[in-house]
Amino acid sequence: MNRLTITKIVEDRNEALRLAREGLQTLAESSRIVGHYGNVFPFSSSSLAKVSTSERQIDHDMEMIAREIDRGLWTHIGAISGIMAMMDSTARDQWHKQLNEKPPELTFDNIRATLLSLSTLAKIT
């Protein structure tokens, strides 16, 4: 098993977002190709799809996808890093509230700052 690093997690996040955008653009193009035949594309008016095939919606959809990926990766980092154990119940509640409301963008600098801040806080208390 490969050793996870902050850099690898961020690289994987960015590649997942790149592929998601590419997929949305492909869906939009597929829908456009058959659009003149009516609503024949399975995602064009389906309640099964939460992601629109409209080109105008891709940026909005990507924001939603990025939020979900960031939320999941922050949760993963919290679980594997031991930082949850460094937090008291109030800090854990705040952590979960922030992740549910608006998770911070998962970047190398944000991860590093979070881990250093919690590590420093743990040493003080």
Protein backbone atom coordinates (compact mmCIF):
# COMPACT_ATOMS: atom_id res chain seq x y z
CA MET A 1 0.00 0.00 0.00
CA ASN A 2 1.32 3.43 -0.92
CA ARG A 3 2.09 5.79 1.91
CA LEU A 4 -0.33 8.70 1.86
CA THR A 5 1.10 12.17 1.91
CA ILE A 6 -0.60 15.54 1.96
CA THR A 7 0.74 16.15 -1.53
CA LYS A 8 -0.74 12.87 -2.83
CA ILE A 9 -4.14 13.57 -1.29
CA VAL A 10 -4.24 17.05 -2.88
CA GLU A 11 -3.04 15.68 -6.24
CA ASP A 12 -5.76 13.00 -6.17
CA ARG A 13 -8.39 15.62 -5.29
CA ASN A 14 -7.33 17.85 -8.16
CA GLU A 15 -7.30 14.93 -10.64
CA ALA A 16 -10.76 13.85 -9.48
CA LEU A 17 -12.06 17.38 -10.06
CA ARG A 18 -10.41 17.55 -13.49
CA LEU A 19 -12.04 14.26 -14.49
CA ALA A 20 -15.42 15.35 -13.07
CA ARG A 21 -15.32 18.56 -15.14
CA GLU A 22 -14.33 16.57 -18.21
CA GLY A 23 -17.22 14.17 -17.56
CA LEU A 24 -19.72 17.01 -17.18
CA GLN A 25 -18.50 18.60 -20.39
CA THR A 26 -18.82 15.24 -22.17
CA LEU A 27 -22.39 14.83 -20.86
CA ALA A 28 -23.26 18.35 -22.02
CA GLU A 29 -21.83 17.67 -25.47
CA SER A 30 -23.66 14.31 -25.69
CA SER A 31 -26.91 16.03 -24.79
CA ARG A 32 -26.32 18.75 -27.41
CA ILE A 33 -25.67 16.18 -30.14
CA VAL A 34 -29.11 14.57 -29.76
CA GLY A 35 -30.91 17.62 -28.34
CA HIS A 36 -32.64 18.47 -31.61
CA TYR A 37 -34.57 15.16 -31.30
CA GLY A 38 -36.19 16.26 -28.05
CA ASN A 39 -35.50 15.08 -24.51
CA VAL A 40 -33.92 11.81 -25.59
CA PHE A 41 -30.73 12.16 -23.57
CA PRO A 42 -31.25 10.30 -20.28
CA PHE A 43 -30.03 13.16 -18.05
CA SER A 44 -31.69 16.06 -19.85
CA SER A 45 -34.94 16.08 -17.88
CA SER A 46 -34.57 13.13 -15.57
CA SER A 47 -35.24 13.38 -11.87
CA LEU A 48 -32.59 10.67 -11.51
CA ALA A 49 -29.81 13.12 -12.28
CA LYS A 50 -28.81 15.86 -9.89
CA VAL A 51 -26.15 17.13 -12.28
CA SER A 52 -27.39 19.15 -15.22
CA THR A 53 -26.07 18.66 -18.74
CA SER A 54 -26.39 22.37 -19.46
CA GLU A 55 -23.04 23.98 -20.25
CA ARG A 56 -24.07 26.97 -18.09
CA GLN A 57 -24.47 24.72 -15.07
CA ILE A 58 -21.06 23.03 -15.22
CA ASP A 59 -19.34 25.61 -13.00
CA HIS A 60 -22.17 25.39 -10.46
CA ASP A 61 -22.09 21.60 -10.56
CA MET A 62 -18.31 21.62 -10.13
CA GLU A 63 -18.65 23.76 -7.01
CA MET A 64 -21.03 21.16 -5.58
CA ILE A 65 -18.72 18.28 -6.56
CA ALA A 66 -15.66 20.06 -5.13
CA ARG A 67 -17.52 20.67 -1.84
CA GLU A 68 -18.43 16.99 -1.57
CA ILE A 69 -14.93 15.80 -2.42
CA ASP A 70 -13.38 18.30 0.01
CA ARG A 71 -15.84 17.28 2.75
CA GLY A 72 -15.01 13.61 2.25
CA LEU A 73 -11.26 14.15 2.13
CA TRP A 74 -11.25 16.37 5.25
CA THR A 75 -13.23 13.64 7.02
CA HIS A 76 -10.68 11.07 5.84
CA ILE A 77 -7.75 13.23 6.99
CA GLY A 78 -9.43 13.71 10.35
CA ALA A 79 -9.79 9.97 10.72
CA ILE A 80 -6.29 8.89 9.63
CA SER A 81 -4.22 11.72 11.10
CA GLY A 82 -5.23 11.43 14.72
CA ILE A 83 -6.33 15.06 14.86
CA MET A 84 -9.78 14.09 16.03
CA ALA A 85 -8.18 12.67 19.17
CA MET A 86 -6.47 16.03 19.76
CA MET A 87 -9.79 17.87 19.80
CA ASP A 88 -12.13 18.26 22.72
CA SER A 89 -15.83 17.72 22.10
CA THR A 90 -16.45 21.40 21.34
CA ALA A 91 -13.68 21.47 18.72
CA ARG A 92 -14.96 18.21 17.17
CA ASP A 93 -18.47 19.68 16.99
CA GLN A 94 -17.10 22.80 15.28
CA TRP A 95 -15.06 20.63 12.89
CA HIS A 96 -18.16 18.65 11.86
CA LYS A 97 -20.32 21.78 11.62
CA GLN A 98 -17.80 23.49 9.32
CA LEU A 99 -17.48 20.40 7.14
CA ASN A 100 -21.26 20.14 6.85
CA GLU A 101 -21.80 23.84 6.12
CA LYS A 102 -18.82 24.82 3.97
CA PRO A 103 -15.73 22.66 3.99
CA PRO A 104 -12.51 24.56 3.32
CA GLU A 105 -10.84 23.93 0.00
CA LEU A 106 -8.49 21.00 0.39
CA THR A 107 -5.07 22.42 -0.43
CA PHE A 108 -1.60 21.58 0.83
CA ASP A 109 -1.44 24.88 2.73
CA ASN A 110 -4.89 24.41 4.34
CA ILE A 111 -4.09 20.87 5.45
CA ARG A 112 -0.68 21.87 6.79
CA ALA A 113 -2.10 24.88 8.65
CA THR A 114 -4.88 22.78 10.17
CA LEU A 115 -2.55 20.02 11.31
CA LEU A 116 0.01 22.48 12.71
CA SER A 117 -2.66 24.51 14.47
CA LEU A 118 -4.21 21.47 16.11
CA SER A 119 -0.80 20.05 17.00
CA THR A 120 0.20 23.35 18.63
CA LEU A 121 -3.12 23.57 20.44
CA ALA A 122 -2.73 20.02 21.72
CA LYS A 123 0.72 20.87 23.13
CA ILE A 124 -0.63 23.96 24.92
CA THR A 125 -3.54 22.18 26.61
